[in-house]
Amino acid sequence: LNNDYSKYKFVIDVAQGGLTLLLPASTTNNYTFSNAKYDLELQ
């Protein structure tokens, strides 16, 4: 539901069942963690 693509872009290709997350270097540059757990939810 995000529309601010300067921070990240997360889109669904509905017909192909595809999910794509794009993070620009300006976003990942601020990451200071070395490990993370994640959860992906579809609604």
Full PDB file with SEQRES, HELIX, SHEET, SSBOND, CRYST1, ORIGX, SCALE, CONECT and MASTER records, all heavy atoms in Angstrom:
SEQRES   1 A   43  LEU ASN ASN ASP TYR SER LYS TYR LYS PHE VAL ILE ASP          
SEQRES   2 A   43  VAL ALA GLN GLY GLY LEU THR LEU LEU LEU PRO ALA SER          
SEQRES   3 A   43  THR THR ASN ASN TYR THR PHE SER ASN ALA LYS TYR ASP          
SEQRES   4 A   43  LEU GLU LEU GLN                                              
HELIX    1 AA1 VAL A   14  GLN A   16  5                                   3    
HELIX    2 AA2 ALA A   25  THR A   28  1                                   4    
SHEET    1 AA1 2 LYS A   9  ASP A  13  0                                        
SHEET    2 AA1 2 GLY A  18  LEU A  22 -1                                        
CRYST1    1.000    1.000    1.000  90.00  90.00  90.00 P 1           1          
ORIGX1      1.000000  0.000000  0.000000        0.00000                         
ORIGX2      0.000000  1.000000  0.000000        0.00000                         
ORIGX3      0.000000  0.000000  1.000000        0.00000                         
SCALE1      1.000000  0.000000  0.000000        0.00000                         
SCALE2      0.000000  1.000000  0.000000        0.00000                         
SCALE3      0.000000  0.000000  1.000000        0.00000                         
ATOM      1  N   LEU A   1       0.823  -1.213   0.000  1.00  0.00           N  
ATOM      2  CA  LEU A   1       0.000   0.000   0.000  1.00  0.00           C  
ATOM      3  C   LEU A   1       0.858   1.264   0.000  1.00  0.00           C  
ATOM      4  O   LEU A   1       0.337   2.372  -0.111  1.00  0.00           O  
ATOM      5  CB  LEU A   1      -0.938   0.002   1.214  1.00  0.00           C  
ATOM      6  CG  LEU A   1      -1.904  -1.184   1.288  1.00  0.00           C  
ATOM      7  CD1 LEU A   1      -2.716  -1.121   2.582  1.00  0.00           C  
ATOM      8  CD2 LEU A   1      -2.802  -1.216   0.072  1.00  0.00           C  
ATOM      9  N   ASN A   2       2.182   1.114   0.109  1.00  0.00           N  
ATOM     10  CA  ASN A   2       3.100   2.254   0.116  1.00  0.00           C  
ATOM     11  C   ASN A   2       3.131   2.944  -1.246  1.00  0.00           C  
ATOM     12  O   ASN A   2       3.166   2.293  -2.282  1.00  0.00           O  
ATOM     13  CB  ASN A   2       4.518   1.753   0.459  1.00  0.00           C  
ATOM     14  CG  ASN A   2       5.556   2.837   0.322  1.00  0.00           C  
ATOM     15  OD1 ASN A   2       5.442   3.884   0.944  1.00  0.00           O  
ATOM     16  ND2 ASN A   2       6.563   2.598  -0.495  1.00  0.00           N  
ATOM     17  N   ASN A   3       3.126   4.286  -1.238  1.00  0.00           N  
ATOM     18  CA  ASN A   3       3.235   5.063  -2.468  1.00  0.00           C  
ATOM     19  C   ASN A   3       4.503   5.904  -2.522  1.00  0.00           C  
ATOM     20  O   ASN A   3       4.746   6.583  -3.503  1.00  0.00           O  
ATOM     21  CB  ASN A   3       2.017   5.979  -2.634  1.00  0.00           C  
ATOM     22  CG  ASN A   3       0.762   5.191  -2.909  1.00  0.00           C  
ATOM     23  OD1 ASN A   3       0.785   4.235  -3.672  1.00  0.00           O  
ATOM     24  ND2 ASN A   3      -0.329   5.553  -2.259  1.00  0.00           N  
ATOM     25  N   ASP A   4       5.314   5.891  -1.461  1.00  0.00           N  
ATOM     26  CA  ASP A   4       6.553   6.663  -1.414  1.00  0.00           C  
ATOM     27  C   ASP A   4       7.702   5.772  -1.869  1.00  0.00           C  
ATOM     28  O   ASP A   4       8.371   5.138  -1.060  1.00  0.00           O  
ATOM     29  CB  ASP A   4       6.800   7.200   0.002  1.00  0.00           C  
ATOM     30  CG  ASP A   4       8.057   8.046   0.098  1.00  0.00           C  
ATOM     31  OD1 ASP A   4       8.733   8.250  -0.942  1.00  0.00           O  
ATOM     32  OD2 ASP A   4       8.380   8.496   1.206  1.00  0.00           O  
ATOM     33  N   TYR A   5       7.918   5.705  -3.170  1.00  0.00           N  
ATOM     34  CA  TYR A   5       8.920   4.808  -3.725  1.00  0.00           C  
ATOM     35  C   TYR A   5      10.348   5.272  -3.470  1.00  0.00           C  
ATOM     36  O   TYR A   5      11.294   4.559  -3.799  1.00  0.00           O  
ATOM     37  CB  TYR A   5       8.694   4.603  -5.214  1.00  0.00           C  
ATOM     38  CG  TYR A   5       7.415   3.861  -5.545  1.00  0.00           C  
ATOM     39  CD1 TYR A   5       6.855   3.946  -6.801  1.00  0.00           C  
ATOM     40  CD2 TYR A   5       6.766   3.065  -4.605  1.00  0.00           C  
ATOM     41  CE1 TYR A   5       5.690   3.257  -7.121  1.00  0.00           C  
ATOM     42  CE2 TYR A   5       5.606   2.378  -4.916  1.00  0.00           C  
ATOM     43  CZ  TYR A   5       5.080   2.480  -6.175  1.00  0.00           C  
ATOM     44  OH  TYR A   5       3.929   1.796  -6.488  1.00  0.00           O  
ATOM     45  N   SER A   6      10.542   6.442  -2.867  1.00  0.00           N  
ATOM     46  CA  SER A   6      11.901   6.873  -2.540  1.00  0.00           C  
ATOM     47  C   SER A   6      12.469   6.027  -1.391  1.00  0.00           C  
ATOM     48  O   SER A   6      13.675   5.889  -1.260  1.00  0.00           O  
ATOM     49  CB  SER A   6      11.924   8.353  -2.159  1.00  0.00           C  
ATOM     50  OG  SER A   6      11.251   8.572  -0.924  1.00  0.00           O  
ATOM     51  N   LYS A   7      11.604   5.453  -0.556  1.00  0.00           N  
ATOM     52  CA  LYS A   7      12.046   4.631   0.581  1.00  0.00           C  
ATOM     53  C   LYS A   7      12.081   3.149   0.221  1.00  0.00           C  
ATOM     54  O   LYS A   7      12.992   2.436   0.587  1.00  0.00           O  
ATOM     55  CB  LYS A   7      11.141   4.855   1.772  1.00  0.00           C  
ATOM     56  CG  LYS A   7      11.143   6.312   2.223  1.00  0.00           C  
ATOM     57  CD  LYS A   7      10.725   6.434   3.650  1.00  0.00           C  
ATOM     58  CE  LYS A   7      10.618   7.882   4.041  1.00  0.00           C  
ATOM     59  NZ  LYS A   7      11.869   8.493   4.352  1.00  0.00           N  
ATOM     60  N   TYR A   8      11.071   2.678  -0.491  1.00  0.00           N  
ATOM     61  CA  TYR A   8      11.020   1.301  -0.987  1.00  0.00           C  
ATOM     62  C   TYR A   8       9.840   1.169  -1.935  1.00  0.00           C  
ATOM     63  O   TYR A   8       8.930   1.996  -1.947  1.00  0.00           O  
ATOM     64  CB  TYR A   8      10.904   0.279   0.149  1.00  0.00           C  
ATOM     65  CG  TYR A   8       9.565   0.282   0.874  1.00  0.00           C  
ATOM     66  CD1 TYR A   8       8.514  -0.513   0.444  1.00  0.00           C  
ATOM     67  CD2 TYR A   8       9.348   1.093   1.978  1.00  0.00           C  
ATOM     68  CE1 TYR A   8       7.284  -0.512   1.093  1.00  0.00           C  
ATOM     69  CE2 TYR A   8       8.132   1.109   2.633  1.00  0.00           C  
ATOM     70  CZ  TYR A   8       7.109   0.294   2.192  1.00  0.00           C  
ATOM     71  OH  TYR A   8       5.901   0.309   2.834  1.00  0.00           O  
ATOM     72  N   LYS A   9       9.871   0.118  -2.725  1.00  0.00           N  
ATOM     73  CA  LYS A   9       8.766  -0.206  -3.622  1.00  0.00           C  
ATOM     74  C   LYS A   9       8.445  -1.683  -3.421  1.00  0.00           C  
ATOM     75  O   LYS A   9       9.322  -2.539  -3.527  1.00  0.00           O  
ATOM     76  CB  LYS A   9       9.158   0.062  -5.073  1.00  0.00           C  
ATOM     77  CG  LYS A   9       8.050  -0.162  -6.067  1.00  0.00           C  
ATOM     78  CD  LYS A   9       8.503   0.230  -7.467  1.00  0.00           C  
ATOM     79  CE  LYS A   9       7.382   0.053  -8.472  1.00  0.00           C  
ATOM     80  NZ  LYS A   9       7.817   0.436  -9.827  1.00  0.00           N  
ATOM     81  N   PHE A  10       7.202  -1.972  -3.099  1.00  0.00           N  
ATOM     82  CA  PHE A  10       6.743  -3.343  -2.887  1.00  0.00           C  
ATOM     83  C   PHE A  10       5.493  -3.508  -3.734  1.00  0.00           C  
ATOM     84  O   PHE A  10       4.477  -2.855  -3.478  1.00  0.00           O  
ATOM     85  CB  PHE A  10       6.455  -3.559  -1.404  1.00  0.00           C  
ATOM     86  CG  PHE A  10       6.267  -4.995  -0.988  1.00  0.00           C  
ATOM     87  CD1 PHE A  10       6.722  -6.058  -1.751  1.00  0.00           C  
ATOM     88  CD2 PHE A  10       5.640  -5.291   0.205  1.00  0.00           C  
ATOM     89  CE1 PHE A  10       6.557  -7.368  -1.346  1.00  0.00           C  
ATOM     90  CE2 PHE A  10       5.466  -6.593   0.632  1.00  0.00           C  
ATOM     91  CZ  PHE A  10       5.931  -7.635  -0.150  1.00  0.00           C  
ATOM     92  N   VAL A  11       5.557  -4.335  -4.749  1.00  0.00           N  
ATOM     93  CA  VAL A  11       4.459  -4.446  -5.704  1.00  0.00           C  
ATOM     94  C   VAL A  11       4.074  -5.912  -5.908  1.00  0.00           C  
ATOM     95  O   VAL A  11       4.863  -6.823  -5.693  1.00  0.00           O  
ATOM     96  CB  VAL A  11       4.813  -3.802  -7.065  1.00  0.00           C  
ATOM     97  CG1 VAL A  11       4.980  -2.302  -6.929  1.00  0.00           C  
ATOM     98  CG2 VAL A  11       6.051  -4.422  -7.659  1.00  0.00           C  
ATOM     99  N   ILE A  12       2.829  -6.077  -6.360  1.00  0.00           N  
ATOM    100  CA  ILE A  12       2.290  -7.399  -6.677  1.00  0.00           C  
ATOM    101  C   ILE A  12       1.984  -7.454  -8.164  1.00  0.00           C  
ATOM    102  O   ILE A  12       1.323  -6.569  -8.697  1.00  0.00           O  
ATOM    103  CB  ILE A  12       0.994  -7.675  -5.880  1.00  0.00           C  
ATOM    104  CG1 ILE A  12       1.275  -7.713  -4.384  1.00  0.00           C  
ATOM    105  CG2 ILE A  12       0.358  -8.989  -6.338  1.00  0.00           C  
ATOM    106  CD1 ILE A  12       0.026  -7.911  -3.533  1.00  0.00           C  
ATOM    107  N   ASP A  13       2.454  -8.500  -8.832  1.00  0.00           N  
ATOM    108  CA  ASP A  13       2.063  -8.805 -10.205  1.00  0.00           C  
ATOM    109  C   ASP A  13       0.939  -9.825 -10.061  1.00  0.00           C  
ATOM    110  O   ASP A  13       1.185 -11.031  -9.927  1.00  0.00           O  
ATOM    111  CB  ASP A  13       3.242  -9.376 -10.985  1.00  0.00           C  
ATOM    112  CG  ASP A  13       2.888  -9.737 -12.417  1.00  0.00           C  
ATOM    113  OD1 ASP A  13       1.684  -9.749 -12.771  1.00  0.00           O  
ATOM    114  OD2 ASP A  13       3.813 -10.029 -13.189  1.00  0.00           O  
ATOM    115  N   VAL A  14      -0.299  -9.350 -10.027  1.00  0.00           N  
ATOM    116  CA  VAL A  14      -1.436 -10.189  -9.629  1.00  0.00           C  
ATOM    117  C   VAL A  14      -1.606 -11.433 -10.484  1.00  0.00           C  
ATOM    118  O   VAL A  14      -1.817 -12.527  -9.965  1.00  0.00           O  
ATOM    119  CB  VAL A  14      -2.751  -9.374  -9.565  1.00  0.00           C  
ATOM    120  CG1 VAL A  14      -2.683  -8.329  -8.488  1.00  0.00           C  
ATOM    121  CG2 VAL A  14      -3.091  -8.749 -10.898  1.00  0.00           C  
ATOM    122  N   ALA A  15      -1.522 -11.298 -11.789  1.00  0.00           N  
ATOM    123  CA  ALA A  15      -1.773 -12.437 -12.674  1.00  0.00           C  
ATOM    124  C   ALA A  15      -0.662 -13.481 -12.596  1.00  0.00           C  
ATOM    125  O   ALA A  15      -0.905 -14.670 -12.800  1.00  0.00           O  
ATOM    126  CB  ALA A  15      -1.930 -11.945 -14.109  1.00  0.00           C  
ATOM    127  N   GLN A  16       0.544 -13.067 -12.292  1.00  0.00           N  
ATOM    128  CA  GLN A  16       1.684 -13.988 -12.243  1.00  0.00           C  
ATOM    129  C   GLN A  16       2.013 -14.451 -10.826  1.00  0.00           C  
ATOM    130  O   GLN A  16       2.990 -15.161 -10.615  1.00  0.00           O  
ATOM    131  CB  GLN A  16       2.911 -13.327 -12.874  1.00  0.00           C  
ATOM    132  CG  GLN A  16       2.740 -13.030 -14.348  1.00  0.00           C  
ATOM    133  CD  GLN A  16       2.431 -14.288 -15.153  1.00  0.00           C  
ATOM    134  OE1 GLN A  16       3.086 -15.317 -15.004  1.00  0.00           O  
ATOM    135  NE2 GLN A  16       1.408 -14.229 -15.983  1.00  0.00           N  
ATOM    136  N   GLY A  17       1.223 -14.015  -9.834  1.00  0.00           N  
ATOM    137  CA  GLY A  17       1.480 -14.425  -8.461  1.00  0.00           C  
ATOM    138  C   GLY A  17       2.787 -13.906  -7.915  1.00  0.00           C  
ATOM    139  O   GLY A  17       3.365 -14.481  -7.005  1.00  0.00           O  
ATOM    140  N   GLY A  18       3.261 -12.816  -8.477  1.00  0.00           N  
ATOM    141  CA  GLY A  18       4.580 -12.300  -8.124  1.00  0.00           C  
ATOM    142  C   GLY A  18       4.558 -11.191  -7.102  1.00  0.00           C  
ATOM    143  O   GLY A  18       3.655 -10.360  -7.070  1.00  0.00           O  
ATOM    144  N   LEU A  19       5.562 -11.202  -6.241  1.00  0.00           N  
ATOM    145  CA  LEU A  19       5.797 -10.139  -5.263  1.00  0.00           C  
ATOM    146  C   LEU A  19       7.220  -9.656  -5.462  1.00  0.00           C  
ATOM    147  O   LEU A  19       8.149 -10.473  -5.551  1.00  0.00           O  
ATOM    148  CB  LEU A  19       5.660 -10.675  -3.837  1.00  0.00           C  
ATOM    149  CG  LEU A  19       4.320 -11.256  -3.455  1.00  0.00           C  
ATOM    150  CD1 LEU A  19       4.464 -12.135  -2.229  1.00  0.00           C  
ATOM    151  CD2 LEU A  19       3.347 -10.136  -3.187  1.00  0.00           C  
ATOM    152  N   THR A  20       7.406  -8.337  -5.543  1.00  0.00           N  
ATOM    153  CA  THR A  20       8.749  -7.780  -5.701  1.00  0.00           C  
ATOM    154  C   THR A  20       8.939  -6.647  -4.713  1.00  0.00           C  
ATOM    155  O   THR A  20       8.134  -5.717  -4.668  1.00  0.00           O  
ATOM    156  CB  THR A  20       8.980  -7.264  -7.139  1.00  0.00           C  
ATOM    157  OG1 THR A  20       8.766  -8.339  -8.052  1.00  0.00           O  
ATOM    158  CG2 THR A  20      10.398  -6.738  -7.308  1.00  0.00           C  
ATOM    159  N   LEU A  21      10.011  -6.750  -3.927  1.00  0.00           N  
ATOM    160  CA  LEU A  21      10.402  -5.702  -2.991  1.00  0.00           C  
ATOM    161  C   LEU A  21      11.705  -5.099  -3.499  1.00  0.00           C  
ATOM    162  O   LEU A  21      12.674  -5.821  -3.751  1.00  0.00           O  
ATOM    163  CB  LEU A  21      10.609  -6.274  -1.585  1.00  0.00           C  
ATOM    164  CG  LEU A  21      11.171  -5.311  -0.535  1.00  0.00           C  
ATOM    165  CD1 LEU A  21      10.193  -4.176  -0.247  1.00  0.00           C  
ATOM    166  CD2 LEU A  21      11.525  -6.055   0.741  1.00  0.00           C  
ATOM    167  N   LEU A  22      11.706  -3.771  -3.677  1.00  0.00           N  
ATOM    168  CA  LEU A  22      12.892  -3.052  -4.116  1.00  0.00           C  
ATOM    169  C   LEU A  22      13.281  -2.047  -3.042  1.00  0.00           C  
ATOM    170  O   LEU A  22      12.459  -1.202  -2.655  1.00  0.00           O  
ATOM    171  CB  LEU A  22      12.620  -2.316  -5.428  1.00  0.00           C  
ATOM    172  CG  LEU A  22      12.159  -3.177  -6.595  1.00  0.00           C  
ATOM    173  CD1 LEU A  22      11.573  -2.317  -7.702  1.00  0.00           C  
ATOM    174  CD2 LEU A  22      13.317  -3.995  -7.123  1.00  0.00           C  
ATOM    175  N   LEU A  23      14.526  -2.136  -2.561  1.00  0.00           N  
ATOM    176  CA  LEU A  23      15.048  -1.193  -1.577  1.00  0.00           C  
ATOM    177  C   LEU A  23      16.195  -0.434  -2.221  1.00  0.00           C  
ATOM    178  O   LEU A  23      17.167  -1.052  -2.675  1.00  0.00           O  
ATOM    179  CB  LEU A  23      15.572  -1.925  -0.337  1.00  0.00           C  
ATOM    180  CG  LEU A  23      14.600  -2.820   0.415  1.00  0.00           C  
ATOM    181  CD1 LEU A  23      15.320  -3.552   1.535  1.00  0.00           C  
ATOM    182  CD2 LEU A  23      13.459  -2.000   0.968  1.00  0.00           C  
ATOM    183  N   PRO A  24      16.118   0.890  -2.283  1.00  0.00           N  
ATOM    184  CA  PRO A  24      17.234   1.648  -2.846  1.00  0.00           C  
ATOM    185  C   PRO A  24      18.418   1.684  -1.879  1.00  0.00           C  
ATOM    186  O   PRO A  24      18.270   1.457  -0.673  1.00  0.00           O  
ATOM    187  CB  PRO A  24      16.642   3.046  -3.054  1.00  0.00           C  
ATOM    188  CG  PRO A  24      15.547   3.148  -2.054  1.00  0.00           C  
ATOM    189  CD  PRO A  24      15.004   1.750  -1.888  1.00  0.00           C  
ATOM    190  N   ALA A  25      19.586   1.986  -2.401  1.00  0.00           N  
ATOM    191  CA  ALA A  25      20.794   2.059  -1.584  1.00  0.00           C  
ATOM    192  C   ALA A  25      20.640   3.081  -0.464  1.00  0.00           C  
ATOM    193  O   ALA A  25      21.168   2.886   0.634  1.00  0.00           O  
ATOM    194  CB  ALA A  25      21.994   2.401  -2.459  1.00  0.00           C  
ATOM    195  N   SER A  26      19.887   4.149  -0.705  1.00  0.00           N  
ATOM    196  CA  SER A  26      19.697   5.173   0.331  1.00  0.00           C  
ATOM    197  C   SER A  26      18.945   4.621   1.542  1.00  0.00           C  
ATOM    198  O   SER A  26      19.120   5.104   2.656  1.00  0.00           O  
ATOM    199  CB  SER A  26      18.951   6.381  -0.245  1.00  0.00           C  
ATOM    200  OG  SER A  26      17.701   5.992  -0.781  1.00  0.00           O  
ATOM    201  N   THR A  27      18.131   3.600   1.346  1.00  0.00           N  
ATOM    202  CA  THR A  27      17.419   2.963   2.459  1.00  0.00           C  
ATOM    203  C   THR A  27      18.325   1.966   3.174  1.00  0.00           C  
ATOM    204  O   THR A  27      18.460   2.003   4.395  1.00  0.00           O  
ATOM    205  CB  THR A  27      16.151   2.255   1.951  1.00  0.00           C  
ATOM    206  OG1 THR A  27      15.241   3.248   1.462  1.00  0.00           O  
ATOM    207  CG2 THR A  27      15.465   1.480   3.064  1.00  0.00           C  
ATOM    208  N   THR A  28      18.969   1.083   2.428  1.00  0.00           N  
ATOM    209  CA  THR A  28      19.802   0.067   3.073  1.00  0.00           C  
ATOM    210  C   THR A  28      21.050   0.670   3.717  1.00  0.00           C  
ATOM    211  O   THR A  28      21.618   0.073   4.627  1.00  0.00           O  
ATOM    212  CB  THR A  28      20.237  -1.038   2.084  1.00  0.00           C  
ATOM    213  OG1 THR A  28      21.123  -0.493   1.103  1.00  0.00           O  
ATOM    214  CG2 THR A  28      19.030  -1.679   1.423  1.00  0.00           C  
ATOM    215  N   ASN A  29      21.464   1.832   3.268  1.00  0.00           N  
ATOM    216  CA  ASN A  29      22.628   2.494   3.858  1.00  0.00           C  
ATOM    217  C   ASN A  29      22.404   2.793   5.344  1.00  0.00           C  
ATOM    218  O   ASN A  29      23.364   2.836   6.120  1.00  0.00           O  
ATOM    219  CB  ASN A  29      22.945   3.781   3.100  1.00  0.00           C  
ATOM    220  CG  ASN A  29      24.287   4.344   3.494  1.00  0.00           C  
ATOM    221  OD1 ASN A  29      25.285   3.635   3.461  1.00  0.00           O  
ATOM    222  ND2 ASN A  29      24.311   5.606   3.883  1.00  0.00           N  
ATOM    223  N   ASN A  30      21.161   2.979   5.737  1.00  0.00           N  
ATOM    224  CA  ASN A  30      20.830   3.296   7.130  1.00  0.00           C  
ATOM    225  C   ASN A  30      20.641   2.055   8.001  1.00  0.00           C  
ATOM    226  O   ASN A  30      20.404   2.187   9.202  1.00  0.00           O  
ATOM    227  CB  ASN A  30      19.571   4.156   7.193  1.00  0.00           C  
ATOM    228  CG  ASN A  30      19.772   5.491   6.532  1.00  0.00           C  
ATOM    229  OD1 ASN A  30      20.807   6.122   6.696  1.00  0.00           O  
ATOM    230  ND2 ASN A  30      18.792   5.927   5.757  1.00  0.00           N  
ATOM    231  N   TYR A  31      20.731   0.871   7.434  1.00  0.00           N  
ATOM    232  CA  TYR A  31      20.549  -0.347   8.213  1.00  0.00           C  
ATOM    233  C   TYR A  31      21.807  -0.630   9.029  1.00  0.00           C  
ATOM    234  O   TYR A  31      22.914  -0.672   8.488  1.00  0.00           O  
ATOM    235  CB  TYR A  31      20.242  -1.536   7.312  1.00  0.00           C  
ATOM    236  CG  TYR A  31      18.865  -1.507   6.683  1.00  0.00           C  
ATOM    237  CD1 TYR A  31      18.499  -2.446   5.758  1.00  0.00           C  
ATOM    238  CD2 TYR A  31      17.937  -0.538   7.023  1.00  0.00           C  
ATOM    239  CE1 TYR A  31      17.241  -2.431   5.176  1.00  0.00           C  
ATOM    240  CE2 TYR A  31      16.678  -0.516   6.452  1.00  0.00           C  
ATOM    241  CZ  TYR A  31      16.340  -1.465   5.531  1.00  0.00           C  
ATOM    242  OH  TYR A  31      15.095  -1.454   4.962  1.00  0.00           O  
ATOM    243  N   THR A  32      21.625  -0.854  10.309  1.00  0.00           N  
ATOM    244  CA  THR A  32      22.751  -1.141  11.191  1.00  0.00           C  
ATOM    245  C   THR A  32      22.647  -2.532  11.816  1.00  0.00           C  
ATOM    246  O   THR A  32      23.528  -2.930  12.557  1.00  0.00           O  
ATOM    247  CB  THR A  32      22.835  -0.095  12.327  1.00  0.00           C  
ATOM    248  OG1 THR A  32      21.601  -0.092  13.045  1.00  0.00           O  
ATOM    249  CG2 THR A  32      23.105   1.292  11.772  1.00  0.00           C  
ATOM    250  N   PHE A  33      21.605  -3.268  11.513  1.00  0.00           N  
ATOM    251  CA  PHE A  33      21.435  -4.608  12.078  1.00  0.00           C  
ATOM    252  C   PHE A  33      22.215  -5.630  11.247  1.00  0.00           C  
ATOM    253  O   PHE A  33      22.466  -5.422  10.064  1.00  0.00           O  
ATOM    254  CB  PHE A  33      19.958  -4.982  12.154  1.00  0.00           C  
ATOM    255  CG  PHE A  33      19.228  -4.917  10.843  1.00  0.00           C  
ATOM    256  CD1 PHE A  33      19.142  -6.043  10.030  1.00  0.00           C  
ATOM    257  CD2 PHE A  33      18.616  -3.750  10.410  1.00  0.00           C  
ATOM    258  CE1 PHE A  33      18.465  -6.000   8.817  1.00  0.00           C  
ATOM    259  CE2 PHE A  33      17.938  -3.694   9.206  1.00  0.00           C  
ATOM    260  CZ  PHE A  33      17.866  -4.820   8.412  1.00  0.00           C  
ATOM    261  N   SER A  34      22.605  -6.723  11.889  1.00  0.00           N  
ATOM    262  CA  SER A  34      23.327  -7.767  11.162  1.00  0.00           C  
ATOM    263  C   SER A  34      22.440  -8.984  10.875  1.00  0.00           C  
ATOM    264  O   SER A  34      22.724  -9.743   9.962  1.00  0.00           O  
ATOM    265  CB  SER A  34      24.576  -8.204  11.929  1.00  0.00           C  
ATOM    266  OG  SER A  34      24.218  -8.665  13.210  1.00  0.00           O  
ATOM    267  N   ASN A  35      21.372  -9.160  11.648  1.00  0.00           N  
ATOM    268  CA  ASN A  35      20.434 -10.258  11.443  1.00  0.00           C  
ATOM    269  C   ASN A  35      19.017  -9.771  11.721  1.00  0.00           C  
ATOM    270  O   ASN A  35      18.822  -8.875  12.534  1.00  0.00           O  
ATOM    271  CB  ASN A  35      20.734 -11.431  12.383  1.00  0.00           C  
ATOM    272  CG  ASN A  35      22.009 -12.132  12.042  1.00  0.00           C  
ATOM    273  OD1 ASN A  35      22.126 -12.691  10.958  1.00  0.00           O  
ATOM    274  ND2 ASN A  35      22.975 -12.098  12.949  1.00  0.00           N  
ATOM    275  N   ALA A  36      18.081 -10.405  11.059  1.00  0.00           N  
ATOM    276  CA  ALA A  36      16.673 -10.079  11.283  1.00  0.00           C  
ATOM    277  C   ALA A  36      15.839 -11.320  10.982  1.00  0.00           C  
ATOM    278  O   ALA A  36      16.243 -12.186  10.214  1.00  0.00           O  
ATOM    279  CB  ALA A  36      16.235  -8.922  10.394  1.00  0.00           C  
ATOM    280  N   LYS A  37      14.683 -11.377  11.593  1.00  0.00           N  
ATOM    281  CA  LYS A  37      13.672 -12.387  11.270  1.00  0.00           C  
ATOM    282  C   LYS A  37      12.597 -11.666  10.480  1.00  0.00           C  
ATOM    283  O   LYS A  37      12.350 -10.481  10.686  1.00  0.00           O  
ATOM    284  CB  LYS A  37      13.066 -12.971  12.546  1.00  0.00           C  
ATOM    285  CG  LYS A  37      14.050 -13.654  13.446  1.00  0.00           C  
ATOM    286  CD  LYS A  37      14.390 -14.999  12.940  1.00  0.00           C  
ATOM    287  CE  LYS A  37      15.282 -15.711  13.956  1.00  0.00           C  
ATOM    288  NZ  LYS A  37      15.676 -17.006  13.496  1.00  0.00           N  
ATOM    289  N   TYR A  38      11.947 -12.355   9.588  1.00  0.00           N  
ATOM    290  CA  TYR A  38      10.908 -11.696   8.805  1.00  0.00           C  
ATOM    291  C   TYR A  38       9.654 -12.539   8.735  1.00  0.00           C  
ATOM    292  O   TYR A  38       9.670 -13.751   8.928  1.00  0.00           O  
ATOM    293  CB  TYR A  38      11.406 -11.335   7.405  1.00  0.00           C  
ATOM    294  CG  TYR A  38      11.587 -12.528   6.493  1.00  0.00           C  
ATOM    295  CD1 TYR A  38      10.547 -12.983   5.684  1.00  0.00           C  
ATOM    296  CD2 TYR A  38      12.797 -13.206   6.437  1.00  0.00           C  
ATOM    297  CE1 TYR A  38      10.713 -14.071   4.872  1.00  0.00           C  
ATOM    298  CE2 TYR A  38      12.958 -14.308   5.615  1.00  0.00           C  
ATOM    299  CZ  TYR A  38      11.923 -14.728   4.842  1.00  0.00           C  
ATOM    300  OH  TYR A  38      12.081 -15.817   4.031  1.00  0.00           O  
ATOM    301  N   ASP A  39       8.571 -11.862   8.401  1.00  0.00           N  
ATOM    302  CA  ASP A  39       7.277 -12.506   8.221  1.00  0.00           C  
ATOM    303  C   ASP A  39       6.626 -11.851   7.019  1.00  0.00           C  
ATOM    304  O   ASP A  39       6.552 -10.619   6.936  1.00  0.00           O  
ATOM    305  CB  ASP A  39       6.425 -12.318   9.474  1.00  0.00           C  
ATOM    306  CG  ASP A  39       5.121 -13.097   9.412  1.00  0.00           C  
ATOM    307  OD1 ASP A  39       5.133 -14.237   8.908  1.00  0.00           O  
ATOM    308  OD2 ASP A  39       4.098 -12.555   9.833  1.00  0.00           O  
ATOM    309  N   LEU A  40       6.163 -12.646   6.079  1.00  0.00           N  
ATOM    310  CA  LEU A  40       5.467 -12.151   4.897  1.00  0.00           C  
ATOM    311  C   LEU A  40       4.013 -12.579   5.005  1.00  0.00           C  
ATOM    312  O   LEU A  40       3.721 -13.764   5.179  1.00  0.00           O  
ATOM    313  CB  LEU A  40       6.079 -12.729   3.615  1.00  0.00           C  
ATOM    314  CG  LEU A  40       5.347 -12.416   2.316  1.00  0.00           C  
ATOM    315  CD1 LEU A  40       5.323 -10.919   2.043  1.00  0.00           C  
ATOM    316  CD2 LEU A  40       5.996 -13.167   1.150  1.00  0.00           C  
ATOM    317  N   GLU A  41       3.111 -11.601   4.909  1.00  0.00           N  
ATOM    318  CA  GLU A  41       1.683 -11.874   5.005  1.00  0.00           C  
ATOM    319  C   GLU A  41       0.979 -11.385   3.742  1.00  0.00           C  
ATOM    320  O   GLU A  41       1.276 -10.292   3.267  1.00  0.00           O  
ATOM    321  CB  GLU A  41       1.080 -11.163   6.206  1.00  0.00           C  
ATOM    322  CG  GLU A  41       1.665 -11.598   7.525  1.00  0.00           C  
ATOM    323  CD  GLU A  41       1.164 -10.739   8.667  1.00  0.00           C  
ATOM    324  OE1 GLU A  41       1.641  -9.603   8.776  1.00  0.00           O  
ATOM    325  OE2 GLU A  41       0.304 -11.220   9.412  1.00  0.00           O  
ATOM    326  N   LEU A  42       0.060 -12.177   3.247  1.00  0.00           N  
ATOM    327  CA  LEU A  42      -0.816 -11.789   2.144  1.00  0.00           C  
ATOM    328  C   LEU A  42      -2.233 -11.729   2.672  1.00  0.00           C  
ATOM    329  O   LEU A  42      -2.655 -12.597   3.422  1.00  0.00           O  
ATOM    330  CB  LEU A  42      -0.759 -12.813   1.013  1.00  0.00           C  
ATOM    331  CG  LEU A  42       0.543 -12.875   0.216  1.00  0.00           C  
ATOM    332  CD1 LEU A  42       0.535 -14.072  -0.695  1.00  0.00           C  
ATOM    333  CD2 LEU A  42       0.719 -11.596  -0.572  1.00  0.00           C  
ATOM    334  N   GLN A  43      -2.949 -10.675   2.274  1.00  0.00           N  
ATOM    335  CA  GLN A  43      -4.332 -10.530   2.725  1.00  0.00           C  
ATOM    336  C   GLN A  43      -5.206 -10.208   1.539  1.00  0.00           C  
ATOM    337  O   GLN A  43      -4.881  -9.342   0.729  1.00  0.00           O  
ATOM    338  CB  GLN A  43      -4.431  -9.411   3.770  1.00  0.00           C  
ATOM    339  CG  GLN A  43      -5.817  -9.254   4.337  1.00  0.00           C  
ATOM    340  CD  GLN A  43      -5.856  -8.207   5.441  1.00  0.00           C  
ATOM    341  OE1 GLN A  43      -4.864  -7.605   5.802  1.00  0.00           O  
ATOM    342  NE2 GLN A  43      -7.036  -7.994   5.955  1.00  0.00           N  
TER     343      GLN A  43                                                      
MASTER        0    0    0    2    2    0    0    6  342    1    0    4          
END                                                                             
